[in-house]
Amino acid sequence: MLQTRWATMRSVKQFVCVLAIVCLSIFSCPLTSLAVTIQDVPNPRQMTGEWVSDLANLLDVQMEMQLNQAISELEEDEGIEIAVVTVPDTSPSASPEEFATQLFNDWGIGKRGQNNGVLLLVSKGDRQVEIKTGSGIMDLLPNSQLQSTIDTDILPRFRSGNFAEGIWVGTQSLIQAVRTVPDGVEPELPSLQYSPVKPNIYIIVTIVTIVLAIGCLMIFLTLQPPKVNPQGRSSRTDGQRDLSLVCNRCRLAMQPVDAQTLLTYLTPAQSIARALGGVVFEGWQCPPECRQAIPPAGIHLREYILDNQQFQICPNCRERTMQRSEEVLVPATITAPGKRRIHQQCHSCLLVKEQVETIAPGSPVYNADGVYIGSVTYSASSSDSFGGGDGGGGGASGGW
């Protein structure tokens, strides 16, 4: 009984410690994991052929579709490119302005030689809006116009929590400012055919509570010692070692067997599998009072699989003694498949198996010795990215 109580107390302590770590992670991760670099921002032209990259999740699908359609129509009519980007934060950049400048030049927004690109950047964590333009569009969008768009169209809506509406109206203001219209015709700002969905705080709280409860329950169940038979064998495929096991018969905590004693229970094939390093064996025994009722005395063999790719189960030995290797015969390209030879040999019974497999196009690339050297990557053409413009134009910013 004392052993059972001790195992229970230890499990409770482990549960409390892990729960504390999880809670700290939940409340601390949002503060430390929001930082992004310009390489972390998906280029929408390369990903989907569109213009919006909403990394901060300020827009829904309907709003993104409207923005992409409006900007696509502008690019088709006037050749001007506008990128709309939202990010959680701009650190480790020195400032949102520096982040926007680097992103503008890295993507090459605007047509090459015309430098007629515009970047509207919203950093939620910095509470900052940045608009950057190429040098070829400064006459249509002077800094005063950019500042007016931020101060009049965007920031008032942001301050009331209407981020999607602020981005929509601000983008439309930029579009109307650069569109060519006949003399004497006053451009009209399209109406917002969009109703932002206001989050229901009660639904959010309920969902968060359910997620936390499920997470705590899973942690608690994970910390419970596995129940196994007093003799026999079991395995874990995640490679995690058990701190304790409980006998499925007497319900008492089992005792680990020392390494020298364990070796006497292993078969030759199991010893070879252990030496190869793809698996680890541990032995566990019931308390003496339980062992006396199980003639003859034995152990429970617990197997921890560390590598199920390189070392596989031999069909003859029934242990993880078969080592796998491969040789690339014909490397795959972005459009054409390749071929590789798979070689398997058992270190116990010396069984050998070989076969040739097809490598799918775009798969990882290996050299002639089978060593990984990279992946086939797709180089986007100019039609699948921004036009290659440069910055060097104007800009404006504002915070809410």
Protein backbone atom coordinates (compact mmCIF):
# COMPACT_ATOMS: atom_id res chain seq x y z
CA MET A 1 0.00 0.00 0.00
CA LEU A 2 2.86 2.40 0.79
CA GLN A 3 4.27 1.83 -2.69
CA THR A 4 0.90 2.55 -4.28
CA ARG A 5 0.51 5.75 -2.27
CA TRP A 6 4.04 6.81 -3.13
CA ALA A 7 3.45 6.21 -6.85
CA THR A 8 0.19 8.17 -6.65
CA MET A 9 1.82 11.09 -4.82
CA ARG A 10 4.64 11.19 -7.34
CA SER A 11 2.16 11.22 -10.24
CA VAL A 12 0.22 14.08 -8.65
CA LYS A 13 3.40 16.09 -8.14
CA GLN A 14 4.41 15.50 -11.75
CA PHE A 15 0.96 16.55 -12.93
CA VAL A 16 1.07 19.78 -10.90
CA CYS A 17 4.55 20.65 -12.18
CA VAL A 18 3.65 20.04 -15.82
CA LEU A 19 0.37 21.93 -15.44
CA ALA A 20 2.27 24.92 -14.05
CA ILE A 21 4.69 24.81 -16.98
CA VAL A 22 1.81 24.61 -19.46
CA CYS A 23 0.04 27.57 -17.87
CA LEU A 24 3.22 29.64 -17.90
CA SER A 25 3.76 28.72 -21.55
CA ILE A 26 0.21 29.69 -22.49
CA PHE A 27 0.55 33.15 -20.99
CA SER A 28 4.17 33.78 -21.94
CA CYS A 29 4.31 32.44 -25.50
CA PRO A 30 2.12 35.17 -27.00
CA LEU A 31 4.60 37.70 -25.68
CA THR A 32 7.69 36.04 -27.11
CA SER A 33 6.56 34.22 -30.26
CA LEU A 34 5.02 37.13 -32.18
CA ALA A 35 8.32 38.47 -33.53
CA VAL A 36 8.79 37.88 -37.27
CA THR A 37 11.44 38.69 -39.84
CA ILE A 38 10.74 39.65 -43.43
CA GLN A 39 11.61 36.07 -44.42
CA ASP A 40 8.73 34.85 -42.22
CA VAL A 41 6.13 36.84 -44.19
CA PRO A 42 4.66 34.72 -47.02
CA ASN A 43 4.98 36.45 -50.40
CA PRO A 44 1.37 36.36 -51.67
CA ARG A 45 2.40 36.61 -55.31
CA GLN A 46 4.52 33.46 -55.03
CA MET A 47 2.09 31.59 -52.77
CA THR A 48 -1.28 32.29 -54.41
CA GLY A 49 -0.67 34.90 -57.09
CA GLU A 50 -2.53 37.49 -55.01
CA TRP A 51 -1.64 40.68 -53.13
CA VAL A 52 -2.58 40.22 -49.45
CA SER A 53 -0.52 38.53 -46.72
CA ASP A 54 -2.49 38.53 -43.46
CA LEU A 55 -0.02 37.10 -40.94
CA ALA A 56 -1.75 38.86 -38.00
CA ASN A 57 -5.18 37.40 -38.87
CA LEU A 58 -6.95 40.75 -39.07
CA LEU A 59 -8.95 39.81 -42.19
CA ASP A 60 -11.38 37.06 -43.02
CA VAL A 61 -11.68 35.23 -46.33
CA GLN A 62 -14.34 37.58 -47.71
CA MET A 63 -12.28 40.70 -47.03
CA GLU A 64 -9.13 39.17 -48.53
CA MET A 65 -11.07 38.31 -51.68
CA GLN A 66 -12.37 41.87 -52.02
CA LEU A 67 -8.91 43.37 -51.49
CA ASN A 68 -7.26 41.01 -53.97
CA GLN A 69 -9.93 41.69 -56.57
CA ALA A 70 -9.65 45.47 -56.20
CA ILE A 71 -5.84 45.44 -56.41
CA SER A 72 -5.87 43.00 -59.36
CA GLU A 73 -8.21 45.32 -61.28
CA LEU A 74 -5.91 48.26 -60.54
CA GLU A 75 -2.81 46.34 -61.69
CA GLU A 76 -4.58 45.27 -64.87
CA ASP A 77 -5.76 48.80 -65.68
CA GLU A 78 -2.83 50.92 -64.50
CA GLY A 79 0.07 48.51 -64.00
CA ILE A 80 0.41 49.63 -60.35
CA GLU A 81 1.08 47.03 -57.66
CA ILE A 82 -0.18 47.32 -54.08
CA ALA A 83 0.80 44.85 -51.37
CA VAL A 84 -1.26 44.67 -48.15
CA VAL A 85 0.59 43.01 -45.27
CA THR A 86 -0.32 42.49 -41.61
CA VAL A 87 2.15 41.10 -39.06
CA PRO A 88 1.94 40.41 -35.31
CA ASP A 89 5.14 42.38 -34.66
CA THR A 90 8.18 43.72 -36.51
CA SER A 91 10.94 42.91 -34.05
CA PRO A 92 13.85 42.18 -34.33
CA SER A 93 13.82 45.04 -36.86
CA ALA A 94 14.71 48.38 -35.33
CA SER A 95 11.31 49.86 -36.21
CA PRO A 96 8.18 49.13 -38.27
CA GLU A 97 9.44 51.67 -40.83
CA GLU A 98 12.69 49.76 -41.30
CA PHE A 99 10.73 46.48 -41.54
CA ALA A 100 8.46 47.97 -44.23
CA THR A 101 11.40 49.33 -46.23
CA GLN A 102 13.23 45.99 -46.16
CA LEU A 103 10.09 44.05 -47.09
CA PHE A 104 9.31 46.44 -49.96
CA ASN A 105 12.79 46.04 -51.48
CA ASP A 106 13.01 42.30 -50.78
CA TRP A 107 9.77 41.60 -52.64
CA GLY A 108 10.41 44.18 -55.37
CA ILE A 109 6.93 45.69 -55.27
CA GLY A 110 6.11 47.59 -58.46
CA LYS A 111 7.15 47.16 -62.07
CA ARG A 112 10.86 47.07 -62.87
CA GLY A 113 12.04 50.42 -64.20
CA GLN A 114 8.75 52.12 -63.24
CA ASN A 115 9.03 51.63 -59.46
CA ASN A 116 5.27 52.10 -59.13
CA GLY A 117 4.65 49.90 -56.11
CA VAL A 118 2.86 50.59 -52.81
CA LEU A 119 3.12 48.71 -49.52
CA LEU A 120 0.48 49.03 -46.80
CA LEU A 121 1.88 47.42 -43.64
CA VAL A 122 -0.01 46.96 -40.36
CA SER A 123 1.91 45.80 -37.28
CA LYS A 124 -0.62 44.81 -34.64
CA GLY A 125 1.91 44.39 -31.84
CA ASP A 126 3.56 47.75 -32.56
CA ARG A 127 0.13 49.38 -33.10
CA GLN A 128 1.64 51.01 -36.15
CA VAL A 129 0.66 51.57 -39.80
CA GLU A 130 3.32 52.12 -42.48
CA ILE A 131 2.81 53.03 -46.14
CA LYS A 132 5.79 52.91 -48.49
CA THR A 133 5.88 53.86 -52.17
CA GLY A 134 8.28 53.50 -55.08
CA SER A 135 10.02 56.51 -56.56
CA GLY A 136 7.93 56.35 -59.74
CA ILE A 137 4.61 56.94 -57.99
CA MET A 138 5.44 59.86 -55.71
CA ASP A 139 3.63 62.34 -57.97
CA LEU A 140 0.36 60.42 -57.60
CA LEU A 141 0.89 59.59 -53.93
CA PRO A 142 2.85 62.36 -52.21
CA ASN A 143 3.64 61.97 -48.53
CA SER A 144 0.83 64.34 -47.61
CA GLN A 145 -1.68 62.07 -49.35
CA LEU A 146 -0.29 59.01 -47.58
CA GLN A 147 -0.47 60.71 -44.18
CA SER A 148 -4.04 61.82 -44.84
CA THR A 149 -5.02 58.25 -45.74
CA ILE A 150 -3.54 56.96 -42.49
CA ASP A 151 -4.91 59.70 -40.24
CA THR A 152 -8.37 59.99 -41.82
CA ASP A 153 -9.23 56.60 -43.28
CA ILE A 154 -7.30 54.02 -41.26
CA LEU A 155 -6.47 55.05 -37.70
CA PRO A 156 -9.99 56.12 -36.57
CA ARG A 157 -11.32 52.67 -37.54
CA PHE A 158 -8.38 50.89 -35.93
CA ARG A 159 -8.95 52.73 -32.66
CA SER A 160 -12.51 51.40 -32.57
CA GLY A 161 -11.31 47.87 -33.31
CA ASN A 162 -12.46 47.76 -36.95
CA PHE A 163 -9.16 46.59 -38.46
CA ALA A 164 -10.67 44.99 -41.57
CA GLU A 165 -12.70 48.09 -42.39
CA GLY A 166 -9.70 50.36 -41.82
CA ILE A 167 -7.54 48.30 -44.17
CA TRP A 168 -10.29 48.20 -46.79
CA VAL A 169 -11.01 51.94 -46.74
CA GLY A 170 -7.29 52.80 -46.64
CA THR A 171 -6.56 50.56 -49.61
CA GLN A 172 -9.47 52.00 -51.59
CA SER A 173 -8.20 55.50 -50.84
CA LEU A 174 -4.81 54.59 -52.31
CA ILE A 175 -6.43 52.96 -55.35
CA GLN A 176 -8.59 55.99 -56.12
CA ALA A 177 -5.62 58.33 -55.75
CA VAL A 178 -3.60 56.55 -58.43
CA ARG A 179 -6.38 55.68 -60.89
CA THR A 180 -6.51 57.62 -64.13
CA VAL A 181 -9.89 59.39 -64.43
CA PRO A 182 -11.20 61.79 -67.06
CA ASP A 183 -10.89 65.51 -66.30
CA GLY A 184 -13.80 66.91 -64.33
CA VAL A 185 -14.92 63.50 -63.05
CA GLU A 186 -14.74 63.10 -59.30
CA PRO A 187 -13.79 59.53 -58.34
CA GLU A 188 -16.16 57.82 -55.93
CA LEU A 189 -14.96 55.61 -53.12
CA PRO A 190 -16.63 52.19 -53.45
CA SER A 191 -18.90 51.31 -50.59
CA LEU A 192 -17.79 48.63 -48.19
CA GLN A 193 -19.83 45.55 -49.06
CA TYR A 194 -18.65 43.83 -45.93
CA SER A 195 -19.96 43.41 -42.42
CA PRO A 196 -17.19 42.64 -39.94
CA VAL A 197 -18.12 39.82 -37.60
CA LYS A 198 -17.84 40.99 -34.00
CA PRO A 199 -16.45 38.24 -31.79
CA ASN A 200 -18.70 36.96 -29.02
CA ILE A 201 -16.65 37.08 -25.83
CA TYR A 202 -18.69 34.31 -24.22
CA ILE A 203 -18.06 31.96 -27.12
CA ILE A 204 -14.34 32.74 -27.04
CA VAL A 205 -14.13 32.14 -23.28
CA THR A 206 -16.05 28.87 -23.64
CA ILE A 207 -13.79 27.62 -26.42
CA VAL A 208 -10.63 28.57 -24.50
CA THR A 209 -11.96 26.85 -21.36
CA ILE A 210 -12.77 23.65 -23.27
CA VAL A 211 -9.34 23.61 -24.95
CA LEU A 212 -7.57 24.10 -21.62
CA ALA A 213 -9.68 21.40 -19.96
CA ILE A 214 -8.93 18.92 -22.74
CA GLY A 215 -5.23 19.81 -22.58
CA CYS A 216 -5.11 19.32 -18.80
CA LEU A 217 -6.94 16.00 -19.10
CA MET A 218 -4.51 14.77 -21.75
CA ILE A 219 -1.55 15.80 -19.60
CA PHE A 220 -3.03 14.01 -16.60
CA LEU A 221 -3.64 10.83 -18.58
CA THR A 222 -0.13 11.01 -20.05
CA LEU A 223 1.40 11.22 -16.59
CA GLN A 224 -0.39 8.10 -15.38
CA PRO A 225 2.08 5.16 -15.28
CA PRO A 226 1.28 2.60 -18.00
CA LYS A 227 -0.26 -0.67 -16.78
CA VAL A 228 1.50 -3.77 -18.13
CA ASN A 229 1.43 -7.52 -17.47
CA PRO A 230 3.93 -8.87 -14.93
CA GLN A 231 5.56 -10.88 -17.72
CA GLY A 232 5.63 -10.36 -21.46
CA ARG A 233 6.64 -7.48 -23.69
CA SER A 234 5.39 -4.03 -24.71
CA SER A 235 6.83 -1.13 -26.69
CA ARG A 236 6.70 2.63 -27.12
CA THR A 237 7.19 4.15 -30.57
CA ASP A 238 7.83 7.73 -29.40
CA GLY A 239 11.15 6.84 -27.77
CA GLN A 240 10.13 8.42 -24.44
CA ARG A 241 11.29 6.46 -21.42
CA ASP A 242 8.82 5.55 -18.68
CA LEU A 243 9.46 6.85 -15.18
CA SER A 244 7.42 4.01 -13.71
CA LEU A 245 5.16 1.11 -14.64
CA VAL A 246 2.25 -0.45 -12.76
CA CYS A 247 1.57 -4.17 -12.66
CA ASN A 248 -1.74 -4.99 -14.32
CA ARG A 249 -2.26 -7.82 -11.84
CA CYS A 250 -1.36 -6.50 -8.38
CA ARG A 251 -1.77 -2.77 -9.24
CA LEU A 252 1.54 -2.00 -7.51
CA ALA A 253 4.47 -0.01 -8.86
CA MET A 254 6.97 -2.23 -10.64
CA GLN A 255 10.71 -2.20 -9.99
CA PRO A 256 13.36 -1.68 -12.71
CA VAL A 257 15.79 -4.51 -13.41
CA ASP A 258 19.51 -3.67 -13.43
CA ALA A 259 21.37 -3.76 -16.75
CA GLN A 260 23.37 -6.93 -16.04
CA THR A 261 20.26 -8.91 -15.08
CA LEU A 262 18.44 -7.61 -18.16
CA LEU A 263 21.11 -9.03 -20.49
CA THR A 264 20.37 -12.54 -19.26
CA TYR A 265 16.77 -12.22 -20.48
CA LEU A 266 17.56 -10.87 -23.97
CA THR A 267 17.69 -13.19 -26.99
CA PRO A 268 20.70 -12.95 -29.36
CA ALA A 269 18.57 -11.00 -31.89
CA GLN A 270 17.42 -8.60 -29.19
CA SER A 271 21.02 -8.05 -28.07
CA ILE A 272 22.00 -7.22 -31.67
CA ALA A 273 19.05 -4.82 -32.05
CA ARG A 274 20.11 -3.13 -28.81
CA ALA A 275 23.73 -2.81 -30.00
CA LEU A 276 22.66 -1.27 -33.34
CA GLY A 277 21.03 1.61 -31.46
CA GLY A 278 17.60 1.61 -33.03
CA VAL A 279 15.92 0.35 -29.89
CA VAL A 280 16.43 0.35 -26.11
CA PHE A 281 15.24 -2.43 -23.81
CA GLU A 282 14.38 -2.11 -20.14
CA GLY A 283 13.27 -4.78 -17.70
CA TRP A 284 10.63 -4.35 -14.99
CA GLN A 285 9.58 -6.69 -12.17
CA CYS A 286 6.65 -6.78 -9.81
CA PRO A 287 7.22 -6.39 -6.04
CA PRO A 288 8.33 -9.60 -4.26
CA GLU A 289 4.85 -10.31 -2.87
CA CYS A 290 3.45 -10.41 -6.40
CA ARG A 291 6.35 -12.33 -7.90
CA GLN A 292 5.86 -15.20 -5.48
CA ALA A 293 2.49 -15.90 -7.07
CA ILE A 294 3.90 -16.02 -10.62
CA PRO A 295 6.05 -19.15 -11.16
CA PRO A 296 8.63 -19.00 -12.56
CA ALA A 297 9.79 -15.45 -11.74
CA GLY A 298 10.14 -13.34 -14.88
CA ILE A 299 10.28 -9.76 -16.09
CA HIS A 300 8.31 -7.46 -18.31
CA LEU A 301 10.44 -6.40 -21.27
CA ARG A 302 9.76 -2.77 -22.25
CA GLU A 303 10.95 -1.75 -25.73
CA TYR A 304 11.61 1.92 -26.66
CA ILE A 305 11.92 2.47 -30.42
CA LEU A 306 14.40 5.23 -31.23
CA ASP A 307 14.72 4.87 -35.02
CA ASN A 308 12.06 3.09 -37.04
CA GLN A 309 13.35 4.39 -40.39
CA GLN A 310 16.93 3.16 -40.54
CA PHE A 311 16.30 0.03 -38.44
CA GLN A 312 13.30 -2.13 -39.28
CA ILE A 313 11.93 -5.48 -38.13
CA CYS A 314 13.46 -8.51 -39.81
CA PRO A 315 10.75 -10.93 -41.05
CA ASN A 316 12.86 -13.87 -39.83
CA CYS A 317 14.23 -12.63 -36.50
CA ARG A 318 11.17 -10.56 -35.62
CA GLU A 319 13.44 -7.92 -34.09
CA ARG A 320 14.62 -4.48 -35.25
CA THR A 321 17.85 -5.85 -36.67
CA MET A 322 17.40 -5.01 -40.37
CA GLN A 323 19.27 -1.85 -41.38
CA ARG A 324 18.03 0.23 -44.31
CA SER A 325 20.13 2.28 -46.71
CA GLU A 326 19.43 3.81 -50.09
CA GLU A 327 21.33 4.87 -53.19
CA VAL A 328 20.01 7.42 -55.70
CA LEU A 329 20.29 6.09 -59.23
CA VAL A 330 18.56 8.96 -61.03
CA PRO A 331 17.92 12.23 -59.10
CA ALA A 332 14.44 13.70 -59.35
CA THR A 333 13.88 17.15 -60.83
CA ILE A 334 11.02 19.60 -60.48
CA THR A 335 9.19 17.93 -63.40
CA ALA A 336 10.68 14.46 -63.83
CA PRO A 337 10.73 11.52 -61.40
CA GLY A 338 13.93 9.75 -60.33
CA LYS A 339 14.93 6.30 -59.10
CA ARG A 340 16.68 4.96 -56.00
CA ARG A 341 17.80 1.54 -54.82
CA ILE A 342 16.68 0.45 -51.32
CA HIS A 343 19.07 -1.99 -49.59
CA GLN A 344 18.07 -3.84 -46.40
CA GLN A 345 20.28 -6.27 -44.51
CA CYS A 346 19.66 -8.06 -41.21
CA HIS A 347 22.61 -8.02 -38.80
CA SER A 348 21.33 -11.14 -37.05
CA CYS A 349 20.34 -13.68 -39.72
CA LEU A 350 22.06 -11.82 -42.62
CA LEU A 351 18.87 -11.67 -44.71
CA VAL A 352 19.28 -9.23 -47.65
CA LYS A 353 16.50 -7.50 -49.59
CA GLU A 354 16.82 -4.98 -52.44
CA GLN A 355 14.31 -3.07 -54.50
CA VAL A 356 14.18 -0.03 -56.80
CA GLU A 357 11.71 2.78 -56.02
CA THR A 358 10.53 5.81 -57.98
CA ILE A 359 11.33 9.26 -56.55
CA ALA A 360 8.45 11.68 -57.06
CA PRO A 361 9.19 14.98 -58.85
CA GLY A 362 10.13 17.74 -56.43
CA SER A 363 11.28 15.28 -53.74
CA PRO A 364 14.41 15.80 -51.60
CA VAL A 365 17.64 15.54 -53.60
CA TYR A 366 20.46 13.13 -52.67
CA ASN A 367 23.92 12.75 -54.14
CA ALA A 368 25.30 9.50 -55.53
CA ASP A 369 26.19 8.29 -52.02
CA GLY A 370 22.64 8.77 -50.79
CA VAL A 371 23.46 11.85 -48.70
CA TYR A 372 20.77 14.51 -48.53
CA ILE A 373 21.92 17.71 -50.25
CA GLY A 374 18.74 19.77 -50.46
CA SER A 375 15.30 19.96 -52.02
CA VAL A 376 14.09 20.77 -55.49
CA THR A 377 12.82 24.31 -55.25
CA TYR A 378 10.61 26.28 -57.55
CA SER A 379 11.97 29.57 -58.83
CA ALA A 380 9.06 31.87 -59.43
CA SER A 381 8.92 33.74 -62.72
CA SER A 382 8.17 37.43 -62.88
CA SER A 383 4.52 36.67 -63.55
CA ASP A 384 4.34 34.77 -60.26
CA SER A 385 5.92 37.46 -58.11
CA PHE A 386 6.01 41.20 -57.83
CA GLY A 387 7.38 43.12 -60.80
CA GLY A 388 10.89 43.80 -59.48
CA GLY A 389 10.44 47.43 -58.51
CA ASP A 390 12.49 49.38 -55.99
CA GLY A 391 11.58 51.64 -53.13
CA GLY A 392 13.19 55.01 -52.67
CA GLY A 393 9.91 56.84 -52.85
CA GLY A 394 7.89 58.39 -50.07
CA GLY A 395 6.24 57.11 -46.98
CA ALA A 396 4.10 57.87 -43.97
CA SER A 397 3.24 56.23 -40.67
CA GLY A 398 0.90 56.50 -37.74
CA GLY A 399 0.01 54.70 -34.52
CA TRP A 400 -3.22 53.98 -32.71
